[in-house]
Amino acid sequence: MTRAFIFPGQGSQSVGMGKALADAFPVAREVFEEVDDALGQKLTALMWDGPMEELTLTANTQPALMAHSIAAMRVLEKEAGVDVADAMFVAGHSLGEYSALCAVRAISLSDTARLLRIRGEAMQAAVPVGEGAMAALIGVDLEGAQKAIDATEGGACEIANDNAPGQVVISGEKERVESVCAGAREFGAKIAKLLPVSAPFHSSLMAPAAARMEEALAKAEIAQPATTLIANVTAGKVTSPDDIRELLVKQVTGRVRWTESVALMAAEGCETFVEVGAGKVLCGLVRRIEKGAASMNVGEPADVEAFAGA
């Protein structure tokens, strides 16, 4: 089947996420209940009732987005007869890589929730609030973004996400990131704006969080995935549990190579990309990367019906 399932990362969260699925489908409710139990927290209450400020805390956002994605995936399996093993690939953007691995039964749902809680807390703790920043450079390519970084001096600043042609995210120490934004137009950027995030994700400043995740992942049980994962940091195919473990550690400080990941899947014959979970961010990126590819989102009950009828 020429289909890939892809899973969103931070930025797609909203108050109310997943509630309609839980109300409509018992299998979705079971996912949310298991995540609540695994965390010892009523995460679903926060997801469905807010406040947004608390939901947006990284330690909450990461397991919440995963829970929504897996609830939607399990509904697709139950109601639409989907077998994820039949997909050509799975991939996820940053934390979405954990959702992808859970979807293909490489990591259990409870373990995925606990790992993402540790990941969120570790990433937040790695750099004091206010000292790090991330920014989106719109209209510039990778080469231009790197030149904009090289034209400045100071603390760490690196390319964090290659999201799509003309959309690059940088991450690092706040003053350096602000300096890059100030001069980015000179290197082709049409817009350079700071992102509303609480830490400089996917940069070398996250090294303490990578060490914490190495420790946590060493204890986690990782099985052979039901189908091939395209990994963030290599934009390459992965099926080995040992390789998955290693790449999840590297992912904390490494670049999210989303443009290359989608391009590889398309080059391998993937024609349809199904974004599973909250929002439609990845669908938009797919359209910019591979204009001939079809994409759709499944995050609400109506989306399940649309998928089944497609």
C-alpha atoms as a PDB file:
ATOM      1  CA  MET A   1       0.000   0.000   0.000  1.00  0.00           C
ATOM      2  CA  THR A   2       1.479   3.357  -1.054  1.00  0.00           C
ATOM      3  CA  ARG A   3       0.580   5.115   2.201  1.00  0.00           C
ATOM      4  CA  ALA A   4       2.524   6.574   5.137  1.00  0.00           C
ATOM      5  CA  PHE A   5       1.171   7.521   8.546  1.00  0.00           C
ATOM      6  CA  ILE A   6       2.781  10.641   9.996  1.00  0.00           C
ATOM      7  CA  PHE A   7       2.436  12.055  13.500  1.00  0.00           C
ATOM      8  CA  PRO A   8       2.536  15.727  14.604  1.00  0.00           C
ATOM      9  CA  GLY A   9       4.792  17.451  17.126  1.00  0.00           C
ATOM     10  CA  GLN A  10       4.529  20.426  19.448  1.00  0.00           C
ATOM     11  CA  GLY A  11       2.497  23.353  18.237  1.00  0.00           C
ATOM     12  CA  SER A  12      -0.532  21.278  17.209  1.00  0.00           C
ATOM     13  CA  GLN A  13      -2.083  21.164  20.702  1.00  0.00           C
ATOM     14  CA  SER A  14      -5.368  22.860  21.596  1.00  0.00           C
ATOM     15  CA  VAL A  15      -7.845  22.696  24.453  1.00  0.00           C
ATOM     16  CA  GLY A  16     -10.486  20.073  23.643  1.00  0.00           C
ATOM     17  CA  MET A  17      -8.100  17.898  21.639  1.00  0.00           C
ATOM     18  CA  GLY A  18      -9.246  14.289  21.430  1.00  0.00           C
ATOM     19  CA  LYS A  19     -12.515  14.725  23.334  1.00  0.00           C
ATOM     20  CA  ALA A  20     -14.782  14.111  20.350  1.00  0.00           C
ATOM     21  CA  LEU A  21     -12.915  10.887  19.599  1.00  0.00           C
ATOM     22  CA  ALA A  22     -13.267   9.751  23.210  1.00  0.00           C
ATOM     23  CA  ASP A  23     -16.978  10.557  23.190  1.00  0.00           C
ATOM     24  CA  ALA A  24     -17.572   8.704  19.923  1.00  0.00           C
ATOM     25  CA  PHE A  25     -15.347   5.633  20.231  1.00  0.00           C
ATOM     26  CA  PRO A  26     -14.714   3.347  23.235  1.00  0.00           C
ATOM     27  CA  VAL A  27     -11.307   2.316  21.847  1.00  0.00           C
ATOM     28  CA  ALA A  28     -10.215   5.975  21.953  1.00  0.00           C
ATOM     29  CA  ARG A  29     -11.421   6.316  25.547  1.00  0.00           C
ATOM     30  CA  GLU A  30      -9.331   3.296  26.467  1.00  0.00           C
ATOM     31  CA  VAL A  31      -6.200   4.975  25.090  1.00  0.00           C
ATOM     32  CA  PHE A  32      -6.775   8.151  27.088  1.00  0.00           C
ATOM     33  CA  GLU A  33      -7.514   6.184  30.258  1.00  0.00           C
ATOM     34  CA  GLU A  34      -4.313   4.164  29.883  1.00  0.00           C
ATOM     35  CA  VAL A  35      -2.240   7.324  29.443  1.00  0.00           C
ATOM     36  CA  ASP A  36      -3.854   8.874  32.530  1.00  0.00           C
ATOM     37  CA  ASP A  37      -3.051   5.725  34.520  1.00  0.00           C
ATOM     38  CA  ALA A  38       0.536   5.538  33.235  1.00  0.00           C
ATOM     39  CA  LEU A  39       1.230   9.133  34.274  1.00  0.00           C
ATOM     40  CA  GLY A  40      -0.746   9.059  37.513  1.00  0.00           C
ATOM     41  CA  GLN A  41      -2.369  12.280  36.312  1.00  0.00           C
ATOM     42  CA  LYS A  42      -5.713  13.212  34.806  1.00  0.00           C
ATOM     43  CA  LEU A  43      -4.038  14.472  31.653  1.00  0.00           C
ATOM     44  CA  THR A  44      -7.320  14.152  29.775  1.00  0.00           C
ATOM     45  CA  ALA A  45      -8.929  16.770  32.037  1.00  0.00           C
ATOM     46  CA  LEU A  46      -6.167  19.184  31.077  1.00  0.00           C
ATOM     47  CA  MET A  47      -6.468  18.289  27.403  1.00  0.00           C
ATOM     48  CA  TRP A  48     -10.227  18.768  27.322  1.00  0.00           C
ATOM     49  CA  ASP A  49     -10.752  21.631  29.764  1.00  0.00           C
ATOM     50  CA  GLY A  50      -7.432  23.486  29.872  1.00  0.00           C
ATOM     51  CA  PRO A  51      -6.100  25.913  30.830  1.00  0.00           C
ATOM     52  CA  MET A  52      -4.065  26.321  27.649  1.00  0.00           C
ATOM     53  CA  GLU A  53      -1.083  27.699  29.598  1.00  0.00           C
ATOM     54  CA  GLU A  54      -0.772  24.418  31.488  1.00  0.00           C
ATOM     55  CA  LEU A  55      -1.439  22.245  28.454  1.00  0.00           C
ATOM     56  CA  THR A  56       1.366  24.064  26.612  1.00  0.00           C
ATOM     57  CA  LEU A  57       3.944  23.137  29.251  1.00  0.00           C
ATOM     58  CA  THR A  58       6.286  20.778  27.429  1.00  0.00           C
ATOM     59  CA  ALA A  59       5.929  17.958  29.962  1.00  0.00           C
ATOM     60  CA  ASN A  60       2.157  17.967  29.352  1.00  0.00           C
ATOM     61  CA  THR A  61       2.091  18.756  25.642  1.00  0.00           C
ATOM     62  CA  GLN A  62       4.260  15.830  24.604  1.00  0.00           C
ATOM     63  CA  PRO A  63       2.211  12.965  26.114  1.00  0.00           C
ATOM     64  CA  ALA A  64      -1.046  14.788  25.267  1.00  0.00           C
ATOM     65  CA  LEU A  65      -0.293  14.987  21.556  1.00  0.00           C
ATOM     66  CA  MET A  66       0.852  11.376  21.552  1.00  0.00           C
ATOM     67  CA  ALA A  67      -2.351  10.252  23.299  1.00  0.00           C
ATOM     68  CA  HIS A  68      -4.506  12.015  20.697  1.00  0.00           C
ATOM     69  CA  SER A  69      -2.509  10.473  17.858  1.00  0.00           C
ATOM     70  CA  ILE A  70      -2.689   6.940  19.223  1.00  0.00           C
ATOM     71  CA  ALA A  71      -6.399   7.279  20.026  1.00  0.00           C
ATOM     72  CA  ALA A  72      -7.011   8.268  16.393  1.00  0.00           C
ATOM     73  CA  MET A  73      -4.800   5.444  15.141  1.00  0.00           C
ATOM     74  CA  ARG A  74      -6.614   2.831  17.213  1.00  0.00           C
ATOM     75  CA  VAL A  75      -9.959   4.150  15.932  1.00  0.00           C
ATOM     76  CA  LEU A  76      -8.702   3.782  12.356  1.00  0.00           C
ATOM     77  CA  GLU A  77      -7.748   0.194  13.127  1.00  0.00           C
ATOM     78  CA  LYS A  78     -11.066  -0.633  14.764  1.00  0.00           C
ATOM     79  CA  GLU A  79     -13.493   1.318  12.590  1.00  0.00           C
ATOM     80  CA  ALA A  80     -11.763   1.505   9.216  1.00  0.00           C
ATOM     81  CA  GLY A  81      -9.937  -1.822   9.197  1.00  0.00           C
ATOM     82  CA  VAL A  82      -6.495  -0.223   8.989  1.00  0.00           C
ATOM     83  CA  ASP A  83      -3.474  -2.454   9.575  1.00  0.00           C
ATOM     84  CA  VAL A  84      -0.523  -0.170  10.216  1.00  0.00           C
ATOM     85  CA  ALA A  85       1.806  -2.984   9.143  1.00  0.00           C
ATOM     86  CA  ASP A  86       0.472  -2.529   5.603  1.00  0.00           C
ATOM     87  CA  ALA A  87       1.750   1.070   5.453  1.00  0.00           C
ATOM     88  CA  MET A  88       4.961   1.727   3.560  1.00  0.00           C
ATOM     89  CA  PHE A  89       6.314   3.912   6.359  1.00  0.00           C
ATOM     90  CA  VAL A  90       5.606   5.773   9.566  1.00  0.00           C
ATOM     91  CA  ALA A  91       7.306   8.968  10.664  1.00  0.00           C
ATOM     92  CA  GLY A  92       6.753  11.642  13.278  1.00  0.00           C
ATOM     93  CA  HIS A  93       7.901  15.214  13.755  1.00  0.00           C
ATOM     94  CA  SER A  94      10.064  15.443  16.902  1.00  0.00           C
ATOM     95  CA  LEU A  95       7.896  14.007  19.726  1.00  0.00           C
ATOM     96  CA  GLY A  96       5.707  12.579  16.950  1.00  0.00           C
ATOM     97  CA  GLU A  97       8.429  10.008  16.361  1.00  0.00           C
ATOM     98  CA  TYR A  98       7.417   8.443  19.689  1.00  0.00           C
ATOM     99  CA  SER A  99       3.787   8.408  18.535  1.00  0.00           C
ATOM    100  CA  ALA A 100       4.882   6.665  15.338  1.00  0.00           C
ATOM    101  CA  LEU A 101       6.797   4.025  17.303  1.00  0.00           C
ATOM    102  CA  CYS A 102       3.829   3.454  19.593  1.00  0.00           C
ATOM    103  CA  ALA A 103       1.517   3.150  16.584  1.00  0.00           C
ATOM    104  CA  VAL A 104       3.647   0.335  15.132  1.00  0.00           C
ATOM    105  CA  ARG A 105       3.884  -1.425  18.530  1.00  0.00           C
ATOM    106  CA  ALA A 106       7.623  -0.829  18.953  1.00  0.00           C
ATOM    107  CA  ILE A 107       6.962   0.862  22.326  1.00  0.00           C
ATOM    108  CA  SER A 108       3.915   0.207  24.511  1.00  0.00           C
ATOM    109  CA  LEU A 109       1.416   3.008  25.083  1.00  0.00           C
ATOM    110  CA  SER A 110       2.156   3.261  28.814  1.00  0.00           C
ATOM    111  CA  ASP A 111       5.922   3.322  28.243  1.00  0.00           C
ATOM    112  CA  THR A 112       5.547   5.927  25.500  1.00  0.00           C
ATOM    113  CA  ALA A 113       3.565   8.196  27.828  1.00  0.00           C
ATOM    114  CA  ARG A 114       6.151   7.846  30.593  1.00  0.00           C
ATOM    115  CA  LEU A 115       9.082   8.401  28.226  1.00  0.00           C
ATOM    116  CA  LEU A 116       7.504  11.555  26.835  1.00  0.00           C
ATOM    117  CA  ARG A 117       6.861  12.895  30.327  1.00  0.00           C
ATOM    118  CA  ILE A 118      10.559  12.358  31.148  1.00  0.00           C
ATOM    119  CA  ARG A 119      11.557  13.870  27.781  1.00  0.00           C
ATOM    120  CA  GLY A 120       9.426  16.959  28.328  1.00  0.00           C
ATOM    121  CA  GLU A 121      10.692  17.528  31.861  1.00  0.00           C
ATOM    122  CA  ALA A 122      14.311  16.933  30.850  1.00  0.00           C
ATOM    123  CA  MET A 123      14.123  19.289  27.863  1.00  0.00           C
ATOM    124  CA  GLN A 124      12.559  22.012  29.995  1.00  0.00           C
ATOM    125  CA  ALA A 125      15.167  21.591  32.745  1.00  0.00           C
ATOM    126  CA  ALA A 126      18.166  21.592  30.379  1.00  0.00           C
ATOM    127  CA  VAL A 127      18.197  25.378  29.907  1.00  0.00           C
ATOM    128  CA  PRO A 128      16.815  27.993  32.338  1.00  0.00           C
ATOM    129  CA  VAL A 129      13.653  29.680  31.053  1.00  0.00           C
ATOM    130  CA  GLY A 130      14.523  32.856  29.154  1.00  0.00           C
ATOM    131  CA  GLU A 131      18.057  31.834  28.189  1.00  0.00           C
ATOM    132  CA  GLY A 132      17.177  29.830  25.085  1.00  0.00           C
ATOM    133  CA  ALA A 133      14.994  30.512  22.066  1.00  0.00           C
ATOM    134  CA  MET A 134      13.828  29.163  18.728  1.00  0.00           C
ATOM    135  CA  ALA A 135      12.887  31.102  15.609  1.00  0.00           C
ATOM    136  CA  ALA A 136      11.315  30.358  12.246  1.00  0.00           C
ATOM    137  CA  LEU A 137      13.047  31.691   9.142  1.00  0.00           C
ATOM    138  CA  ILE A 138      10.502  31.838   6.326  1.00  0.00           C
ATOM    139  CA  GLY A 139      11.503  32.088   2.678  1.00  0.00           C
ATOM    140  CA  VAL A 140      15.093  30.996   3.179  1.00  0.00           C
ATOM    141  CA  ASP A 141      16.758  27.706   2.265  1.00  0.00           C
ATOM    142  CA  LEU A 142      19.110  25.681   4.442  1.00  0.00           C
ATOM    143  CA  GLU A 143      22.194  27.296   2.954  1.00  0.00           C
ATOM    144  CA  GLY A 144      20.831  30.790   3.559  1.00  0.00           C
ATOM    145  CA  ALA A 145      19.858  29.924   7.121  1.00  0.00           C
ATOM    146  CA  GLN A 146      23.342  28.629   7.857  1.00  0.00           C
ATOM    147  CA  LYS A 147      24.894  31.761   6.353  1.00  0.00           C
ATOM    148  CA  ALA A 148      22.663  33.904   8.566  1.00  0.00           C
ATOM    149  CA  ILE A 149      23.890  31.965  11.596  1.00  0.00           C
ATOM    150  CA  ASP A 150      27.535  32.176  10.503  1.00  0.00           C
ATOM    151  CA  ALA A 151      27.239  35.948  10.091  1.00  0.00           C
ATOM    152  CA  THR A 152      26.621  36.344  13.828  1.00  0.00           C
ATOM    153  CA  GLU A 153      28.742  35.694  16.892  1.00  0.00           C
ATOM    154  CA  GLY A 154      28.052  34.581  20.423  1.00  0.00           C
ATOM    155  CA  GLY A 155      26.556  31.491  22.013  1.00  0.00           C
ATOM    156  CA  ALA A 156      25.168  28.357  20.418  1.00  0.00           C
ATOM    157  CA  CYS A 157      22.763  28.623  17.479  1.00  0.00           C
ATOM    158  CA  GLU A 158      21.945  25.786  15.103  1.00  0.00           C
ATOM    159  CA  ILE A 159      19.414  24.669  12.517  1.00  0.00           C
ATOM    160  CA  ALA A 160      16.841  22.679  14.494  1.00  0.00           C
ATOM    161  CA  ASN A 161      14.200  21.816  11.883  1.00  0.00           C
ATOM    162  CA  ASP A 162      14.281  21.605   8.108  1.00  0.00           C
ATOM    163  CA  ASN A 163      10.493  21.604   7.866  1.00  0.00           C
ATOM    164  CA  ALA A 164       9.870  22.314   4.178  1.00  0.00           C
ATOM    165  CA  PRO A 165      11.363  24.358   1.351  1.00  0.00           C
ATOM    166  CA  GLY A 166      11.458  27.917   2.641  1.00  0.00           C
ATOM    167  CA  GLN A 167      10.763  27.014   6.265  1.00  0.00           C
ATOM    168  CA  VAL A 168      13.763  26.537   8.542  1.00  0.00           C
ATOM    169  CA  VAL A 169      13.760  26.695  12.342  1.00  0.00           C
ATOM    170  CA  ILE A 170      16.833  27.713  14.320  1.00  0.00           C
ATOM    171  CA  SER A 171      17.508  27.086  17.995  1.00  0.00           C
ATOM    172  CA  GLY A 172      20.042  28.197  20.587  1.00  0.00           C
ATOM    173  CA  GLU A 173      20.952  30.887  23.076  1.00  0.00           C
ATOM    174  CA  LYS A 174      18.411  33.692  22.973  1.00  0.00           C
ATOM    175  CA  GLU A 175      20.739  36.606  22.182  1.00  0.00           C
ATOM    176  CA  ARG A 176      22.330  34.739  19.273  1.00  0.00           C
ATOM    177  CA  VAL A 177      18.963  33.637  17.888  1.00  0.00           C
ATOM    178  CA  GLU A 178      17.732  37.238  18.069  1.00  0.00           C
ATOM    179  CA  SER A 179      20.872  38.408  16.239  1.00  0.00           C
ATOM    180  CA  VAL A 180      20.278  35.869  13.474  1.00  0.00           C
ATOM    181  CA  CYS A 181      16.664  37.032  13.131  1.00  0.00           C
ATOM    182  CA  ALA A 182      17.793  40.654  12.893  1.00  0.00           C
ATOM    183  CA  GLY A 183      20.061  39.908   9.922  1.00  0.00           C
ATOM    184  CA  ALA A 184      18.208  37.054   8.252  1.00  0.00           C
ATOM    185  CA  ARG A 185      16.617  39.148   5.498  1.00  0.00           C
ATOM    186  CA  GLU A 186      20.074  39.761   4.090  1.00  0.00           C
ATOM    187  CA  PHE A 187      20.304  36.034   3.387  1.00  0.00           C
ATOM    188  CA  GLY A 188      16.888  35.586   1.799  1.00  0.00           C
ATOM    189  CA  ALA A 189      14.457  35.292   4.714  1.00  0.00           C
ATOM    190  CA  LYS A 190      11.141  37.074   4.173  1.00  0.00           C
ATOM    191  CA  ILE A 191      10.116  36.609   7.805  1.00  0.00           C
ATOM    192  CA  ALA A 192      12.190  35.825  10.881  1.00  0.00           C
ATOM    193  CA  LYS A 193      10.185  35.404  14.077  1.00  0.00           C
ATOM    194  CA  LEU A 194      10.756  33.999  17.528  1.00  0.00           C
ATOM    195  CA  LEU A 195       8.569  30.992  18.365  1.00  0.00           C
ATOM    196  CA  PRO A 196       6.494  30.751  21.561  1.00  0.00           C
ATOM    197  CA  VAL A 197       8.470  27.843  23.041  1.00  0.00           C
ATOM    198  CA  SER A 198      10.013  27.473  26.461  1.00  0.00           C
ATOM    199  CA  ALA A 199      13.375  25.919  25.528  1.00  0.00           C
ATOM    200  CA  PRO A 200      15.849  25.674  22.609  1.00  0.00           C
ATOM    201  CA  PHE A 201      14.836  22.225  21.362  1.00  0.00           C
ATOM    202  CA  HIS A 202      16.963  20.222  18.910  1.00  0.00           C
ATOM    203  CA  SER A 203      20.154  22.102  19.697  1.00  0.00           C
ATOM    204  CA  SER A 204      23.399  21.210  21.471  1.00  0.00           C
ATOM    205  CA  LEU A 205      22.042  23.039  24.531  1.00  0.00           C
ATOM    206  CA  MET A 206      19.759  20.028  25.024  1.00  0.00           C
ATOM    207  CA  ALA A 207      22.737  17.745  25.837  1.00  0.00           C
ATOM    208  CA  PRO A 208      21.640  17.282  29.492  1.00  0.00           C
ATOM    209  CA  ALA A 209      18.212  16.162  28.268  1.00  0.00           C
ATOM    210  CA  ALA A 210      19.827  13.723  25.814  1.00  0.00           C
ATOM    211  CA  ALA A 211      21.786  12.192  28.695  1.00  0.00           C
ATOM    212  CA  ARG A 212      18.580  11.814  30.696  1.00  0.00           C
ATOM    213  CA  MET A 213      16.810  10.175  27.748  1.00  0.00           C
ATOM    214  CA  GLU A 214      19.723   7.807  27.163  1.00  0.00           C
ATOM    215  CA  GLU A 215      19.276   6.609  30.725  1.00  0.00           C
ATOM    216  CA  ALA A 216      15.486   6.277  30.387  1.00  0.00           C
ATOM    217  CA  LEU A 217      15.595   4.570  26.993  1.00  0.00           C
ATOM    218  CA  ALA A 218      18.194   2.071  28.204  1.00  0.00           C
ATOM    219  CA  LYS A 219      15.521   0.708  30.545  1.00  0.00           C
ATOM    220  CA  ALA A 220      12.683   0.816  28.010  1.00  0.00           C
ATOM    221  CA  GLU A 221      11.522  -2.226  26.082  1.00  0.00           C
ATOM    222  CA  ILE A 222      11.659  -1.560  22.337  1.00  0.00           C
ATOM    223  CA  ALA A 223      10.366  -4.185  19.897  1.00  0.00           C
ATOM    224  CA  GLN A 224      10.695  -4.589  16.146  1.00  0.00           C
ATOM    225  CA  PRO A 225       8.265  -2.085  14.567  1.00  0.00           C
ATOM    226  CA  ALA A 226       5.426  -3.444  12.440  1.00  0.00           C
ATOM    227  CA  THR A 227       6.658  -1.366   9.505  1.00  0.00           C
ATOM    228  CA  THR A 228       9.618   0.865   8.673  1.00  0.00           C
ATOM    229  CA  LEU A 229      10.232   4.104  10.556  1.00  0.00           C
ATOM    230  CA  ILE A 230      11.814   7.094   8.843  1.00  0.00           C
ATOM    231  CA  ALA A 231      13.964   8.636  11.574  1.00  0.00           C
ATOM    232  CA  ASN A 232      14.164  12.384  12.215  1.00  0.00           C
ATOM    233  CA  VAL A 233      17.922  12.717  12.599  1.00  0.00           C
ATOM    234  CA  THR A 234      18.951  10.632   9.585  1.00  0.00           C
ATOM    235  CA  ALA A 235      15.913  10.868   7.291  1.00  0.00           C
ATOM    236  CA  GLY A 236      16.636   7.185   6.734  1.00  0.00           C
ATOM    237  CA  LYS A 237      14.880   3.853   7.183  1.00  0.00           C
ATOM    238  CA  VAL A 238      15.033   2.182  10.594  1.00  0.00           C
ATOM    239  CA  THR A 239      13.695  -1.151  11.840  1.00  0.00           C
ATOM    240  CA  SER A 240      16.279  -2.297  14.413  1.00  0.00           C
ATOM    241  CA  PRO A 241      15.273  -1.731  18.072  1.00  0.00           C
ATOM    242  CA  ASP A 242      18.897  -0.930  18.973  1.00  0.00           C
ATOM    243  CA  ASP A 243      19.095   1.677  16.199  1.00  0.00           C
ATOM    244  CA  ILE A 244      15.754   3.153  17.269  1.00  0.00           C
ATOM    245  CA  ARG A 245      17.011   3.527  20.839  1.00  0.00           C
ATOM    246  CA  GLU A 246      20.206   5.250  19.695  1.00  0.00           C
ATOM    247  CA  LEU A 247      18.434   7.616  17.292  1.00  0.00           C
ATOM    248  CA  LEU A 248      15.848   8.664  19.893  1.00  0.00           C
ATOM    249  CA  VAL A 249      18.727   9.853  22.082  1.00  0.00           C
ATOM    250  CA  LYS A 250      20.371  11.714  19.190  1.00  0.00           C
ATOM    251  CA  GLN A 251      17.025  13.246  18.268  1.00  0.00           C
ATOM    252  CA  VAL A 252      17.001  15.422  21.413  1.00  0.00           C
ATOM    253  CA  THR A 253      19.941  17.509  20.182  1.00  0.00           C
ATOM    254  CA  GLY A 254      19.774  16.660  16.475  1.00  0.00           C
ATOM    255  CA  ARG A 255      18.063  18.285  13.519  1.00  0.00           C
ATOM    256  CA  VAL A 256      14.571  17.227  12.458  1.00  0.00           C
ATOM    257  CA  ARG A 257      15.142  16.446   8.772  1.00  0.00           C
ATOM    258  CA  TRP A 258      11.488  16.593   7.775  1.00  0.00           C
ATOM    259  CA  THR A 259      11.979  17.779   4.189  1.00  0.00           C
ATOM    260  CA  GLU A 260      14.360  14.911   3.480  1.00  0.00           C
ATOM    261  CA  SER A 261      12.123  12.421   5.293  1.00  0.00           C
ATOM    262  CA  VAL A 262       9.045  13.220   3.202  1.00  0.00           C
ATOM    263  CA  ALA A 263      11.122  13.341   0.018  1.00  0.00           C
ATOM    264  CA  LEU A 264      12.523   9.878   0.747  1.00  0.00           C
ATOM    265  CA  MET A 265       9.088   8.397   1.377  1.00  0.00           C
ATOM    266  CA  ALA A 266       7.801   9.909  -1.871  1.00  0.00           C
ATOM    267  CA  ALA A 267      10.842   8.690  -3.808  1.00  0.00           C
ATOM    268  CA  GLU A 268      10.187   5.177  -2.476  1.00  0.00           C
ATOM    269  CA  GLY A 269       6.675   5.294  -3.978  1.00  0.00           C
ATOM    270  CA  CYS A 270       4.569   6.694  -1.142  1.00  0.00           C
ATOM    271  CA  GLU A 271       1.637   8.571  -2.690  1.00  0.00           C
ATOM    272  CA  THR A 272      -0.572   9.379   0.331  1.00  0.00           C
ATOM    273  CA  PHE A 273       0.414  10.842   3.698  1.00  0.00           C
ATOM    274  CA  VAL A 274      -2.078  10.492   6.551  1.00  0.00           C
ATOM    275  CA  GLU A 275      -1.438  12.830   9.481  1.00  0.00           C
ATOM    276  CA  VAL A 276      -2.819  11.129  12.578  1.00  0.00           C
ATOM    277  CA  GLY A 277      -3.755  13.297  15.562  1.00  0.00           C
ATOM    278  CA  ALA A 278      -4.115  16.997  16.286  1.00  0.00           C
ATOM    279  CA  GLY A 279      -4.017  19.675  13.612  1.00  0.00           C
ATOM    280  CA  LYS A 280      -2.948  19.722   9.981  1.00  0.00           C
ATOM    281  CA  VAL A 281       0.561  21.143  10.217  1.00  0.00           C
ATOM    282  CA  LEU A 282       2.262  18.157   8.624  1.00  0.00           C
ATOM    283  CA  CYS A 283      -0.265  18.002   5.785  1.00  0.00           C
ATOM    284  CA  GLY A 284       0.713  21.559   4.915  1.00  0.00           C
ATOM    285  CA  LEU A 285       4.412  20.701   4.993  1.00  0.00           C
ATOM    286  CA  VAL A 286       3.889  17.622   2.802  1.00  0.00           C
ATOM    287  CA  ARG A 287       2.144  19.754   0.166  1.00  0.00           C
ATOM    288  CA  ARG A 288       5.130  22.125   0.110  1.00  0.00           C
ATOM    289  CA  ILE A 289       7.691  19.311  -0.087  1.00  0.00           C
ATOM    290  CA  GLU A 290       5.933  16.990  -2.577  1.00  0.00           C
ATOM    291  CA  LYS A 291       3.343  18.886  -4.572  1.00  0.00           C
ATOM    292  CA  GLY A 292       2.023  15.724  -6.241  1.00  0.00           C
ATOM    293  CA  ALA A 293       1.420  13.829  -3.009  1.00  0.00           C
ATOM    294  CA  ALA A 294      -2.012  13.450  -1.433  1.00  0.00           C
ATOM    295  CA  SER A 295      -2.420  14.228   2.251  1.00  0.00           C
ATOM    296  CA  MET A 296      -5.208  14.072   4.792  1.00  0.00           C
ATOM    297  CA  ASN A 297      -5.621  14.483   8.538  1.00  0.00           C
ATOM    298  CA  VAL A 298      -7.410  12.090  10.891  1.00  0.00           C
ATOM    299  CA  GLY A 299      -8.010  13.604  14.303  1.00  0.00           C
ATOM    300  CA  GLU A 300     -11.783  13.917  14.661  1.00  0.00           C
ATOM    301  CA  PRO A 301     -14.729  11.506  14.181  1.00  0.00           C
ATOM    302  CA  ALA A 302     -15.664  13.070  10.824  1.00  0.00           C
ATOM    303  CA  ASP A 303     -12.111  12.495   9.610  1.00  0.00           C
ATOM    304  CA  VAL A 304     -12.453   8.780  10.350  1.00  0.00           C
ATOM    305  CA  GLU A 305     -15.571   8.652   8.141  1.00  0.00           C
ATOM    306  CA  ALA A 306     -13.789  10.581   5.398  1.00  0.00           C
ATOM    307  CA  PHE A 307     -10.819   8.202   5.565  1.00  0.00           C
ATOM    308  CA  ALA A 308     -13.052   5.138   5.377  1.00  0.00           C
ATOM    309  CA  GLY A 309     -14.811   6.583   2.351  1.00  0.00           C
ATOM    310  CA  ALA A 310     -11.657   7.645   0.536  1.00  0.00           C
END
